[in-house]
Amino acid sequence: MDCIVAHLLTWRKTHPTHYISASDATFQPICASGMTRPDLNLLVTLDVLLAEGSVARAAQRLLLSPSAMSRSLARLRVATGDPLLVRAGRGLVPTPRAIELRERVGPLVQAGETVLRPVGKLDLQQLVRTFTLRTSEGFVENFGPNLIARVGAEAPGVQLRFVQKANKESTPLREGAVDLETGVLEPTTSPELRAQALFKDRYIGVVRKGHPLTKGKITPARYAAGRHIGVSRDPNHDPVDGALAPLELKRLIVVSLVAGFSSALALARSSDLVATVPERHTGNLRAGMHSFPVPISTPEFTVSMLWHPRLDADPGHRWLRGLVREACTTAR
């Protein structure tokens, strides 16, 4: 049955308005099993023949000659091993087998045609689906409430599943374990992935209320002299330390974390440590703390969402991508 459905879908894509004629009589595709694959275009012919009960009317409906339709009926008789339509007076009557097939072939043809039509308008109120999003720490806390509220209002049957982004591997997107990912595009990002920018971000310094850095001018030397929390997957290529190096300055890293913005801010909130984190990505996490521009020139970076191209045209995924864009645009 699988080879039948596969052939029907492939043939109908390339021949959307064509029906079998005598010139196609030698077309006999082979299934993987080695058996001759039935000509599934005959399903359409059978459907019309059984509906009309007349070779002439079926030929007219399918824009074929009566002789071509007669040949198609002959092929159907061979394929099914049944006469299907037999003479009764001046007309034709269906056999018991034809009556049985009439109840089955119509829905089968309609289902095949439905598969090959473009997807209709997405009914969000009826949509039941789980989307898995892989995000860096801080994304859920900062953008999650807005996104979850929008999803719940538009599609109450949709569930969001957030998983931590422990690395930059593209495998989860490629294998379908993750539907959507947020992050910074890297040279190692798989070129097959689709990407769309969400927002630009920059690094800022964050300390507790009453910290010495809340008063007076913050110079590069004063900033570097503080006791710092390092937050980087690769401490040898930290953009902040890279900007301090030409000034012959270096931060004193007291605690090192791997991509832990919320943990870094929690430590800074209850100590004299300095956290240097992305501004937009940590907006809600910094509530009640003192934030200041890093007194050195660090490049802005763009946070994007990424997905596999197989989901590019999926209506539900397109809708989700739109909501993620809106949530990131409105959150400050």
C-alpha atoms as a PDB file:
ATOM      1  CA  MET A   1       0.000   0.000   0.000  1.00  0.00           C
ATOM      2  CA  ASP A   2       2.909   2.333   0.762  1.00  0.00           C
ATOM      3  CA  CYS A   3       4.271   2.027  -2.771  1.00  0.00           C
ATOM      4  CA  ILE A   4       0.783   2.770  -4.139  1.00  0.00           C
ATOM      5  CA  VAL A   5       0.389   5.949  -2.144  1.00  0.00           C
ATOM      6  CA  ALA A   6       3.965   7.059  -2.918  1.00  0.00           C
ATOM      7  CA  HIS A   7       3.442   6.621  -6.643  1.00  0.00           C
ATOM      8  CA  LEU A   8       0.078   8.413  -6.602  1.00  0.00           C
ATOM      9  CA  LEU A   9       1.593  11.441  -4.864  1.00  0.00           C
ATOM     10  CA  THR A  10       4.641  11.577  -7.162  1.00  0.00           C
ATOM     11  CA  TRP A  11       2.690  11.089 -10.388  1.00  0.00           C
ATOM     12  CA  ARG A  12      -0.051  13.572  -9.533  1.00  0.00           C
ATOM     13  CA  LYS A  13       2.509  16.276  -8.679  1.00  0.00           C
ATOM     14  CA  THR A  14       4.014  16.095 -12.157  1.00  0.00           C
ATOM     15  CA  HIS A  15       0.744  15.433 -14.023  1.00  0.00           C
ATOM     16  CA  PRO A  16      -1.901  17.565 -12.214  1.00  0.00           C
ATOM     17  CA  THR A  17      -4.420  17.577 -15.069  1.00  0.00           C
ATOM     18  CA  HIS A  18      -3.418  14.487 -17.040  1.00  0.00           C
ATOM     19  CA  TYR A  19      -5.357  11.235 -17.147  1.00  0.00           C
ATOM     20  CA  ILE A  20      -4.234   7.955 -18.587  1.00  0.00           C
ATOM     21  CA  SER A  21      -4.599   7.356 -22.306  1.00  0.00           C
ATOM     22  CA  ALA A  22      -3.833   4.479 -24.649  1.00  0.00           C
ATOM     23  CA  SER A  23      -0.335   5.852 -25.210  1.00  0.00           C
ATOM     24  CA  ASP A  24       0.420   5.264 -21.509  1.00  0.00           C
ATOM     25  CA  ALA A  25      -0.479   1.573 -21.658  1.00  0.00           C
ATOM     26  CA  THR A  26       3.097   0.389 -21.249  1.00  0.00           C
ATOM     27  CA  PHE A  27       3.759   2.452 -18.115  1.00  0.00           C
ATOM     28  CA  GLN A  28       4.230  -0.124 -15.321  1.00  0.00           C
ATOM     29  CA  PRO A  29       6.306   1.186 -12.412  1.00  0.00           C
ATOM     30  CA  ILE A  30       7.916  -1.360 -10.133  1.00  0.00           C
ATOM     31  CA  CYS A  31       7.665  -1.359  -6.320  1.00  0.00           C
ATOM     32  CA  ALA A  32      10.737  -1.960  -4.184  1.00  0.00           C
ATOM     33  CA  SER A  33       9.448  -5.478  -3.591  1.00  0.00           C
ATOM     34  CA  GLY A  34       9.834  -6.266  -7.305  1.00  0.00           C
ATOM     35  CA  MET A  35       6.094  -6.542  -7.969  1.00  0.00           C
ATOM     36  CA  THR A  36       4.532  -4.551 -10.778  1.00  0.00           C
ATOM     37  CA  ARG A  37       3.171  -1.321  -9.319  1.00  0.00           C
ATOM     38  CA  PRO A  38      -0.462  -0.597 -10.234  1.00  0.00           C
ATOM     39  CA  ASP A  39      -1.110   2.477 -12.350  1.00  0.00           C
ATOM     40  CA  LEU A  40      -2.722   4.638  -9.710  1.00  0.00           C
ATOM     41  CA  ASN A  41      -4.108   7.070 -12.253  1.00  0.00           C
ATOM     42  CA  LEU A  42      -6.639   4.300 -12.880  1.00  0.00           C
ATOM     43  CA  LEU A  43      -8.091   5.078  -9.445  1.00  0.00           C
ATOM     44  CA  VAL A  44      -9.383   8.370 -10.826  1.00  0.00           C
ATOM     45  CA  THR A  45     -10.761   6.576 -13.880  1.00  0.00           C
ATOM     46  CA  LEU A  46     -12.404   3.910 -11.711  1.00  0.00           C
ATOM     47  CA  ASP A  47     -13.961   6.545  -9.463  1.00  0.00           C
ATOM     48  CA  VAL A  48     -15.556   8.335 -12.418  1.00  0.00           C
ATOM     49  CA  LEU A  49     -16.656   5.124 -14.155  1.00  0.00           C
ATOM     50  CA  LEU A  50     -18.411   3.828 -11.060  1.00  0.00           C
ATOM     51  CA  ALA A  51     -19.994   7.206 -10.394  1.00  0.00           C
ATOM     52  CA  GLU A  52     -21.307   7.597 -13.957  1.00  0.00           C
ATOM     53  CA  GLY A  53     -22.097   3.943 -14.744  1.00  0.00           C
ATOM     54  CA  SER A  54     -21.381   4.755 -18.365  1.00  0.00           C
ATOM     55  CA  VAL A  55     -18.255   4.604 -20.478  1.00  0.00           C
ATOM     56  CA  ALA A  56     -19.438   7.465 -22.680  1.00  0.00           C
ATOM     57  CA  ARG A  57     -20.310   9.799 -19.792  1.00  0.00           C
ATOM     58  CA  ALA A  58     -17.085   8.923 -17.935  1.00  0.00           C
ATOM     59  CA  ALA A  59     -15.062   9.637 -21.091  1.00  0.00           C
ATOM     60  CA  GLN A  60     -16.791  12.999 -21.483  1.00  0.00           C
ATOM     61  CA  ARG A  61     -16.120  13.931 -17.860  1.00  0.00           C
ATOM     62  CA  LEU A  62     -12.437  13.048 -18.127  1.00  0.00           C
ATOM     63  CA  LEU A  63     -12.022  14.636 -21.558  1.00  0.00           C
ATOM     64  CA  LEU A  64     -11.166  11.300 -23.190  1.00  0.00           C
ATOM     65  CA  SER A  65     -12.527   9.510 -26.232  1.00  0.00           C
ATOM     66  CA  PRO A  66     -14.978   6.625 -25.611  1.00  0.00           C
ATOM     67  CA  SER A  67     -12.452   4.174 -27.078  1.00  0.00           C
ATOM     68  CA  ALA A  68      -9.722   5.369 -24.698  1.00  0.00           C
ATOM     69  CA  MET A  69     -12.123   4.997 -21.781  1.00  0.00           C
ATOM     70  CA  SER A  70     -13.023   1.489 -22.939  1.00  0.00           C
ATOM     71  CA  ARG A  71      -9.346   0.561 -22.941  1.00  0.00           C
ATOM     72  CA  SER A  72      -8.991   1.986 -19.434  1.00  0.00           C
ATOM     73  CA  LEU A  73     -11.956  -0.117 -18.293  1.00  0.00           C
ATOM     74  CA  ALA A  74     -10.270  -3.168 -19.784  1.00  0.00           C
ATOM     75  CA  ARG A  75      -7.112  -2.420 -17.834  1.00  0.00           C
ATOM     76  CA  LEU A  76      -9.136  -1.946 -14.646  1.00  0.00           C
ATOM     77  CA  ARG A  77     -10.738  -5.362 -15.162  1.00  0.00           C
ATOM     78  CA  VAL A  78      -7.287  -6.924 -15.453  1.00  0.00           C
ATOM     79  CA  ALA A  79      -5.979  -5.044 -12.405  1.00  0.00           C
ATOM     80  CA  THR A  80      -8.927  -5.935 -10.162  1.00  0.00           C
ATOM     81  CA  GLY A  81      -9.679  -9.373 -11.569  1.00  0.00           C
ATOM     82  CA  ASP A  82     -13.364  -8.408 -11.877  1.00  0.00           C
ATOM     83  CA  PRO A  83     -15.608  -7.275 -14.776  1.00  0.00           C
ATOM     84  CA  LEU A  84     -16.678  -4.242 -12.663  1.00  0.00           C
ATOM     85  CA  LEU A  85     -19.359  -3.093 -15.129  1.00  0.00           C
ATOM     86  CA  VAL A  86     -21.401  -5.615 -17.133  1.00  0.00           C
ATOM     87  CA  ARG A  87     -23.969  -5.236 -19.865  1.00  0.00           C
ATOM     88  CA  ALA A  88     -27.628  -5.181 -18.813  1.00  0.00           C
ATOM     89  CA  GLY A  89     -29.848  -4.348 -21.735  1.00  0.00           C
ATOM     90  CA  ARG A  90     -28.610  -1.112 -23.267  1.00  0.00           C
ATOM     91  CA  GLY A  91     -26.681  -0.037 -20.165  1.00  0.00           C
ATOM     92  CA  LEU A  92     -24.064  -1.220 -17.707  1.00  0.00           C
ATOM     93  CA  VAL A  93     -24.570  -2.339 -14.123  1.00  0.00           C
ATOM     94  CA  PRO A  94     -21.902  -2.677 -11.396  1.00  0.00           C
ATOM     95  CA  THR A  95     -20.800  -6.034 -10.070  1.00  0.00           C
ATOM     96  CA  PRO A  96     -20.754  -6.651  -6.285  1.00  0.00           C
ATOM     97  CA  ARG A  97     -17.021  -6.000  -6.352  1.00  0.00           C
ATOM     98  CA  ALA A  98     -17.610  -2.671  -8.122  1.00  0.00           C
ATOM     99  CA  ILE A  99     -20.203  -1.677  -5.518  1.00  0.00           C
ATOM    100  CA  GLU A 100     -17.686  -2.450  -2.777  1.00  0.00           C
ATOM    101  CA  LEU A 101     -14.957  -0.454  -4.511  1.00  0.00           C
ATOM    102  CA  ARG A 102     -17.274   2.490  -5.145  1.00  0.00           C
ATOM    103  CA  GLU A 103     -17.489   3.074  -1.388  1.00  0.00           C
ATOM    104  CA  ARG A 104     -13.700   3.023  -1.043  1.00  0.00           C
ATOM    105  CA  VAL A 105     -12.199   4.552  -4.157  1.00  0.00           C
ATOM    106  CA  GLY A 106     -13.951   7.934  -3.899  1.00  0.00           C
ATOM    107  CA  PRO A 107     -12.530   8.824  -0.467  1.00  0.00           C
ATOM    108  CA  LEU A 108      -9.115   7.479  -1.531  1.00  0.00           C
ATOM    109  CA  VAL A 109      -8.979   9.759  -4.579  1.00  0.00           C
ATOM    110  CA  GLN A 110     -10.207  12.724  -2.526  1.00  0.00           C
ATOM    111  CA  ALA A 111      -7.572  12.052   0.127  1.00  0.00           C
ATOM    112  CA  GLY A 112      -4.823  11.952  -2.487  1.00  0.00           C
ATOM    113  CA  GLU A 113      -5.993  15.232  -4.004  1.00  0.00           C
ATOM    114  CA  THR A 114      -6.179  16.823  -0.553  1.00  0.00           C
ATOM    115  CA  VAL A 115      -2.585  15.820   0.171  1.00  0.00           C
ATOM    116  CA  LEU A 116      -1.421  17.598  -2.983  1.00  0.00           C
ATOM    117  CA  ARG A 117      -3.323  20.835  -2.332  1.00  0.00           C
ATOM    118  CA  PRO A 118      -1.697  23.792  -0.529  1.00  0.00           C
ATOM    119  CA  VAL A 119      -2.447  23.864   3.184  1.00  0.00           C
ATOM    120  CA  GLY A 120      -5.474  25.976   4.016  1.00  0.00           C
ATOM    121  CA  LYS A 121      -5.672  28.719   6.603  1.00  0.00           C
ATOM    122  CA  LEU A 122      -4.359  27.679   9.997  1.00  0.00           C
ATOM    123  CA  ASP A 123      -7.083  27.322  12.636  1.00  0.00           C
ATOM    124  CA  LEU A 124      -5.220  28.429  15.741  1.00  0.00           C
ATOM    125  CA  GLN A 125      -8.117  27.718  18.070  1.00  0.00           C
ATOM    126  CA  GLN A 126      -8.070  24.065  16.992  1.00  0.00           C
ATOM    127  CA  LEU A 127      -4.287  23.700  16.797  1.00  0.00           C
ATOM    128  CA  VAL A 128      -2.905  21.091  19.221  1.00  0.00           C
ATOM    129  CA  ARG A 129       0.875  20.935  19.044  1.00  0.00           C
ATOM    130  CA  THR A 130       4.037  21.104  21.140  1.00  0.00           C
ATOM    131  CA  PHE A 131       6.915  23.310  19.987  1.00  0.00           C
ATOM    132  CA  THR A 132      10.392  22.782  21.426  1.00  0.00           C
ATOM    133  CA  LEU A 133      12.564  25.900  21.697  1.00  0.00           C
ATOM    134  CA  ARG A 134      16.259  25.772  22.571  1.00  0.00           C
ATOM    135  CA  THR A 135      17.379  29.046  24.137  1.00  0.00           C
ATOM    136  CA  SER A 136      20.226  30.533  26.103  1.00  0.00           C
ATOM    137  CA  GLU A 137      19.818  31.150  29.809  1.00  0.00           C
ATOM    138  CA  GLY A 138      17.845  34.319  30.388  1.00  0.00           C
ATOM    139  CA  PHE A 139      15.683  34.093  27.268  1.00  0.00           C
ATOM    140  CA  VAL A 140      12.784  32.392  29.042  1.00  0.00           C
ATOM    141  CA  GLU A 141      12.926  34.759  32.013  1.00  0.00           C
ATOM    142  CA  ASN A 142      13.076  37.868  29.832  1.00  0.00           C
ATOM    143  CA  PHE A 143      10.958  37.022  26.773  1.00  0.00           C
ATOM    144  CA  GLY A 144       9.066  33.943  27.941  1.00  0.00           C
ATOM    145  CA  PRO A 145       6.138  35.626  29.773  1.00  0.00           C
ATOM    146  CA  ASN A 146       5.248  37.762  26.755  1.00  0.00           C
ATOM    147  CA  LEU A 147       5.586  34.847  24.337  1.00  0.00           C
ATOM    148  CA  ILE A 148       3.593  32.443  26.519  1.00  0.00           C
ATOM    149  CA  ALA A 149       0.791  34.985  26.937  1.00  0.00           C
ATOM    150  CA  ARG A 150       0.555  35.529  23.174  1.00  0.00           C
ATOM    151  CA  VAL A 151       0.520  31.801  22.441  1.00  0.00           C
ATOM    152  CA  GLY A 152      -2.162  31.158  25.075  1.00  0.00           C
ATOM    153  CA  ALA A 153      -4.375  33.928  23.743  1.00  0.00           C
ATOM    154  CA  GLU A 154      -4.188  32.813  20.101  1.00  0.00           C
ATOM    155  CA  ALA A 155      -3.777  29.029  20.318  1.00  0.00           C
ATOM    156  CA  PRO A 156      -4.753  27.595  23.721  1.00  0.00           C
ATOM    157  CA  GLY A 157      -3.968  24.040  22.549  1.00  0.00           C
ATOM    158  CA  VAL A 158      -0.302  24.824  21.871  1.00  0.00           C
ATOM    159  CA  GLN A 159       2.368  23.932  24.426  1.00  0.00           C
ATOM    160  CA  LEU A 160       5.844  25.469  24.500  1.00  0.00           C
ATOM    161  CA  ARG A 161       8.746  23.332  25.700  1.00  0.00           C
ATOM    162  CA  PHE A 162      11.943  25.238  26.505  1.00  0.00           C
ATOM    163  CA  VAL A 163      15.262  23.386  26.684  1.00  0.00           C
ATOM    164  CA  GLN A 164      18.609  24.799  27.722  1.00  0.00           C
ATOM    165  CA  LYS A 165      21.146  25.582  25.017  1.00  0.00           C
ATOM    166  CA  ALA A 166      24.251  23.870  26.310  1.00  0.00           C
ATOM    167  CA  ASN A 167      26.209  24.190  23.044  1.00  0.00           C
ATOM    168  CA  LYS A 168      25.949  25.525  19.503  1.00  0.00           C
ATOM    169  CA  GLU A 169      25.519  22.168  17.768  1.00  0.00           C
ATOM    170  CA  SER A 170      22.959  22.220  14.909  1.00  0.00           C
ATOM    171  CA  THR A 171      22.133  18.525  15.253  1.00  0.00           C
ATOM    172  CA  PRO A 172      18.940  18.984  17.356  1.00  0.00           C
ATOM    173  CA  LEU A 173      17.472  21.262  14.678  1.00  0.00           C
ATOM    174  CA  ARG A 174      18.537  18.945  11.880  1.00  0.00           C
ATOM    175  CA  GLU A 175      17.133  15.849  13.561  1.00  0.00           C
ATOM    176  CA  GLY A 176      13.854  17.496  14.597  1.00  0.00           C
ATOM    177  CA  ALA A 177      14.444  17.330  18.363  1.00  0.00           C
ATOM    178  CA  VAL A 178      14.224  21.146  18.439  1.00  0.00           C
ATOM    179  CA  ASP A 179      11.804  23.268  16.387  1.00  0.00           C
ATOM    180  CA  LEU A 180      13.311  26.703  16.959  1.00  0.00           C
ATOM    181  CA  GLU A 181      16.516  28.029  18.472  1.00  0.00           C
ATOM    182  CA  THR A 182      17.747  31.460  19.494  1.00  0.00           C
ATOM    183  CA  GLY A 183      21.338  32.610  19.577  1.00  0.00           C
ATOM    184  CA  VAL A 184      24.191  34.373  17.827  1.00  0.00           C
ATOM    185  CA  LEU A 185      25.214  33.144  14.386  1.00  0.00           C
ATOM    186  CA  GLU A 186      28.721  31.719  14.424  1.00  0.00           C
ATOM    187  CA  PRO A 187      31.090  30.622  11.651  1.00  0.00           C
ATOM    188  CA  THR A 188      30.334  27.087  12.784  1.00  0.00           C
ATOM    189  CA  THR A 189      26.569  27.498  12.364  1.00  0.00           C
ATOM    190  CA  SER A 190      25.308  25.025   9.769  1.00  0.00           C
ATOM    191  CA  PRO A 191      24.714  26.838   6.440  1.00  0.00           C
ATOM    192  CA  GLU A 192      21.588  24.777   5.794  1.00  0.00           C
ATOM    193  CA  LEU A 193      19.707  26.456   8.652  1.00  0.00           C
ATOM    194  CA  ARG A 194      17.333  29.362   8.163  1.00  0.00           C
ATOM    195  CA  ALA A 195      17.954  32.421  10.354  1.00  0.00           C
ATOM    196  CA  GLN A 196      16.211  35.704  11.079  1.00  0.00           C
ATOM    197  CA  ALA A 197      17.490  38.522  13.271  1.00  0.00           C
ATOM    198  CA  LEU A 198      15.507  39.243  16.437  1.00  0.00           C
ATOM    199  CA  PHE A 199      17.389  42.119  18.073  1.00  0.00           C
ATOM    200  CA  LYS A 200      20.805  43.670  18.631  1.00  0.00           C
ATOM    201  CA  ASP A 201      22.401  43.459  22.043  1.00  0.00           C
ATOM    202  CA  ARG A 202      25.442  44.797  23.879  1.00  0.00           C
ATOM    203  CA  TYR A 203      27.335  44.026  27.066  1.00  0.00           C
ATOM    204  CA  ILE A 204      26.710  46.035  30.231  1.00  0.00           C
ATOM    205  CA  GLY A 205      28.012  45.859  33.759  1.00  0.00           C
ATOM    206  CA  VAL A 206      25.673  44.991  36.640  1.00  0.00           C
ATOM    207  CA  VAL A 207      26.211  45.321  40.382  1.00  0.00           C
ATOM    208  CA  ARG A 208      24.063  45.313  43.507  1.00  0.00           C
ATOM    209  CA  LYS A 209      22.492  48.490  44.837  1.00  0.00           C
ATOM    210  CA  GLY A 210      24.995  50.324  47.018  1.00  0.00           C
ATOM    211  CA  HIS A 211      28.028  48.795  45.281  1.00  0.00           C
ATOM    212  CA  PRO A 212      31.031  51.179  45.028  1.00  0.00           C
ATOM    213  CA  LEU A 213      30.632  51.250  41.236  1.00  0.00           C
ATOM    214  CA  THR A 214      27.196  52.848  41.622  1.00  0.00           C
ATOM    215  CA  LYS A 215      28.957  56.128  42.487  1.00  0.00           C
ATOM    216  CA  GLY A 216      31.386  58.201  40.502  1.00  0.00           C
ATOM    217  CA  LYS A 217      32.726  57.834  37.001  1.00  0.00           C
ATOM    218  CA  ILE A 218      33.471  54.326  35.849  1.00  0.00           C
ATOM    219  CA  THR A 219      36.741  54.311  33.914  1.00  0.00           C
ATOM    220  CA  PRO A 220      38.199  51.258  32.172  1.00  0.00           C
ATOM    221  CA  ALA A 221      40.791  50.935  34.936  1.00  0.00           C
ATOM    222  CA  ARG A 222      38.193  51.214  37.698  1.00  0.00           C
ATOM    223  CA  TYR A 223      35.957  48.699  35.944  1.00  0.00           C
ATOM    224  CA  ALA A 224      38.786  46.200  35.430  1.00  0.00           C
ATOM    225  CA  ALA A 225      39.900  46.544  39.061  1.00  0.00           C
ATOM    226  CA  GLY A 226      36.607  45.134  40.342  1.00  0.00           C
ATOM    227  CA  ARG A 227      36.106  41.502  41.305  1.00  0.00           C
ATOM    228  CA  HIS A 228      34.361  39.929  38.316  1.00  0.00           C
ATOM    229  CA  ILE A 229      32.190  36.978  37.430  1.00  0.00           C
ATOM    230  CA  GLY A 230      33.287  35.445  34.141  1.00  0.00           C
ATOM    231  CA  VAL A 231      30.464  34.227  31.900  1.00  0.00           C
ATOM    232  CA  SER A 232      31.735  32.625  28.729  1.00  0.00           C
ATOM    233  CA  ARG A 233      31.838  29.264  26.981  1.00  0.00           C
ATOM    234  CA  ASP A 234      35.339  30.140  25.806  1.00  0.00           C
ATOM    235  CA  PRO A 235      37.253  32.289  28.319  1.00  0.00           C
ATOM    236  CA  ASN A 236      40.161  32.570  25.869  1.00  0.00           C
ATOM    237  CA  HIS A 237      37.992  34.556  23.438  1.00  0.00           C
ATOM    238  CA  ASP A 238      35.938  36.793  25.707  1.00  0.00           C
ATOM    239  CA  PRO A 239      34.946  40.045  23.901  1.00  0.00           C
ATOM    240  CA  VAL A 240      35.239  42.128  27.088  1.00  0.00           C
ATOM    241  CA  ASP A 241      38.742  40.917  27.876  1.00  0.00           C
ATOM    242  CA  GLY A 242      39.633  41.389  24.228  1.00  0.00           C
ATOM    243  CA  ALA A 243      38.604  45.064  24.428  1.00  0.00           C
ATOM    244  CA  LEU A 244      40.592  45.588  27.636  1.00  0.00           C
ATOM    245  CA  ALA A 245      43.786  44.025  26.275  1.00  0.00           C
ATOM    246  CA  PRO A 246      44.879  47.029  24.103  1.00  0.00           C
ATOM    247  CA  LEU A 247      44.620  49.173  27.247  1.00  0.00           C
ATOM    248  CA  GLU A 248      46.890  46.712  29.070  1.00  0.00           C
ATOM    249  CA  LEU A 249      44.071  45.972  31.480  1.00  0.00           C
ATOM    250  CA  LYS A 250      42.680  42.672  32.612  1.00  0.00           C
ATOM    251  CA  ARG A 251      39.731  41.758  34.785  1.00  0.00           C
ATOM    252  CA  LEU A 252      40.161  39.783  37.964  1.00  0.00           C
ATOM    253  CA  ILE A 253      37.859  36.807  37.421  1.00  0.00           C
ATOM    254  CA  VAL A 254      36.874  35.451  40.829  1.00  0.00           C
ATOM    255  CA  VAL A 255      34.144  33.069  39.653  1.00  0.00           C
ATOM    256  CA  SER A 256      33.765  31.488  36.210  1.00  0.00           C
ATOM    257  CA  LEU A 257      30.428  30.267  34.883  1.00  0.00           C
ATOM    258  CA  VAL A 258      29.555  28.616  31.582  1.00  0.00           C
ATOM    259  CA  ALA A 259      26.799  30.626  29.892  1.00  0.00           C
ATOM    260  CA  GLY A 260      25.069  31.340  33.196  1.00  0.00           C
ATOM    261  CA  PHE A 261      23.657  34.884  33.002  1.00  0.00           C
ATOM    262  CA  SER A 262      20.972  34.363  35.647  1.00  0.00           C
ATOM    263  CA  SER A 263      23.440  32.673  37.987  1.00  0.00           C
ATOM    264  CA  ALA A 264      25.945  35.495  37.464  1.00  0.00           C
ATOM    265  CA  LEU A 265      23.319  38.104  38.303  1.00  0.00           C
ATOM    266  CA  ALA A 266      22.174  36.162  41.364  1.00  0.00           C
ATOM    267  CA  LEU A 267      25.770  36.169  42.644  1.00  0.00           C
ATOM    268  CA  ALA A 268      26.250  39.866  41.908  1.00  0.00           C
ATOM    269  CA  ARG A 269      22.967  40.706  43.641  1.00  0.00           C
ATOM    270  CA  SER A 270      24.205  39.329  46.955  1.00  0.00           C
ATOM    271  CA  SER A 271      27.912  40.257  46.810  1.00  0.00           C
ATOM    272  CA  ASP A 272      30.373  42.878  45.610  1.00  0.00           C
ATOM    273  CA  LEU A 273      31.085  40.937  42.431  1.00  0.00           C
ATOM    274  CA  VAL A 274      30.602  42.529  39.007  1.00  0.00           C
ATOM    275  CA  ALA A 275      28.572  40.734  36.331  1.00  0.00           C
ATOM    276  CA  THR A 276      28.989  41.625  32.667  1.00  0.00           C
ATOM    277  CA  VAL A 277      25.980  40.395  30.715  1.00  0.00           C
ATOM    278  CA  PRO A 278      23.950  41.144  27.550  1.00  0.00           C
ATOM    279  CA  GLU A 279      21.575  44.058  28.131  1.00  0.00           C
ATOM    280  CA  ARG A 280      18.437  42.997  26.236  1.00  0.00           C
ATOM    281  CA  HIS A 281      18.805  39.340  27.118  1.00  0.00           C
ATOM    282  CA  THR A 282      18.726  39.999  30.861  1.00  0.00           C
ATOM    283  CA  GLY A 283      16.250  42.864  31.256  1.00  0.00           C
ATOM    284  CA  ASN A 284      13.920  41.201  33.758  1.00  0.00           C
ATOM    285  CA  LEU A 285      16.761  39.449  35.563  1.00  0.00           C
ATOM    286  CA  ARG A 286      18.400  42.766  36.506  1.00  0.00           C
ATOM    287  CA  ALA A 287      15.373  44.235  38.309  1.00  0.00           C
ATOM    288  CA  GLY A 288      16.468  46.010  41.478  1.00  0.00           C
ATOM    289  CA  MET A 289      20.131  46.106  40.480  1.00  0.00           C
ATOM    290  CA  HIS A 290      22.382  48.854  39.141  1.00  0.00           C
ATOM    291  CA  SER A 291      23.375  48.593  35.478  1.00  0.00           C
ATOM    292  CA  PHE A 292      25.979  50.702  33.691  1.00  0.00           C
ATOM    293  CA  PRO A 293      27.551  50.837  30.210  1.00  0.00           C
ATOM    294  CA  VAL A 294      30.827  48.969  29.994  1.00  0.00           C
ATOM    295  CA  PRO A 295      33.474  51.750  29.712  1.00  0.00           C
ATOM    296  CA  ILE A 296      35.206  50.109  26.770  1.00  0.00           C
ATOM    297  CA  SER A 297      34.231  49.613  23.152  1.00  0.00           C
ATOM    298  CA  THR A 298      32.697  46.162  22.685  1.00  0.00           C
ATOM    299  CA  PRO A 299      30.924  45.268  19.449  1.00  0.00           C
ATOM    300  CA  GLU A 300      27.172  44.842  19.369  1.00  0.00           C
ATOM    301  CA  PHE A 301      25.952  41.392  18.445  1.00  0.00           C
ATOM    302  CA  THR A 302      22.751  40.176  16.813  1.00  0.00           C
ATOM    303  CA  VAL A 303      20.550  37.558  18.431  1.00  0.00           C
ATOM    304  CA  SER A 304      18.707  35.514  15.812  1.00  0.00           C
ATOM    305  CA  MET A 305      16.243  32.658  15.672  1.00  0.00           C
ATOM    306  CA  LEU A 306      17.215  29.589  13.692  1.00  0.00           C
ATOM    307  CA  TRP A 307      15.222  26.703  12.269  1.00  0.00           C
ATOM    308  CA  HIS A 308      15.614  23.862   9.799  1.00  0.00           C
ATOM    309  CA  PRO A 309      14.366  24.527   6.245  1.00  0.00           C
ATOM    310  CA  ARG A 310      11.917  21.602   6.389  1.00  0.00           C
ATOM    311  CA  LEU A 311       9.799  23.795   8.698  1.00  0.00           C
ATOM    312  CA  ASP A 312      10.100  26.912   6.564  1.00  0.00           C
ATOM    313  CA  ALA A 313       6.643  26.630   4.975  1.00  0.00           C
ATOM    314  CA  ASP A 314       4.893  24.956   7.911  1.00  0.00           C
ATOM    315  CA  PRO A 315       1.936  27.234   8.854  1.00  0.00           C
ATOM    316  CA  GLY A 316       2.181  26.510  12.564  1.00  0.00           C
ATOM    317  CA  HIS A 317       5.915  27.154  12.614  1.00  0.00           C
ATOM    318  CA  ARG A 318       5.518  30.387  10.633  1.00  0.00           C
ATOM    319  CA  TRP A 319       2.963  31.539  13.186  1.00  0.00           C
ATOM    320  CA  LEU A 320       5.315  30.704  16.064  1.00  0.00           C
ATOM    321  CA  ARG A 321       8.202  32.575  14.433  1.00  0.00           C
ATOM    322  CA  GLY A 322       5.999  35.635  14.129  1.00  0.00           C
ATOM    323  CA  LEU A 323       5.118  35.505  17.824  1.00  0.00           C
ATOM    324  CA  VAL A 324       8.770  35.121  18.832  1.00  0.00           C
ATOM    325  CA  ARG A 325       9.652  38.209  16.767  1.00  0.00           C
ATOM    326  CA  GLU A 326       6.848  40.193  18.384  1.00  0.00           C
ATOM    327  CA  ALA A 327       7.770  39.061  21.905  1.00  0.00           C
ATOM    328  CA  CYS A 328      11.406  40.069  21.409  1.00  0.00           C
ATOM    329  CA  THR A 329      10.453  43.407  19.853  1.00  0.00           C
ATOM    330  CA  THR A 330       8.137  44.485  22.668  1.00  0.00           C
ATOM    331  CA  ALA A 331      10.233  43.234  25.608  1.00  0.00           C
ATOM    332  CA  ARG A 332      12.649  45.835  26.943  1.00  0.00           C
END
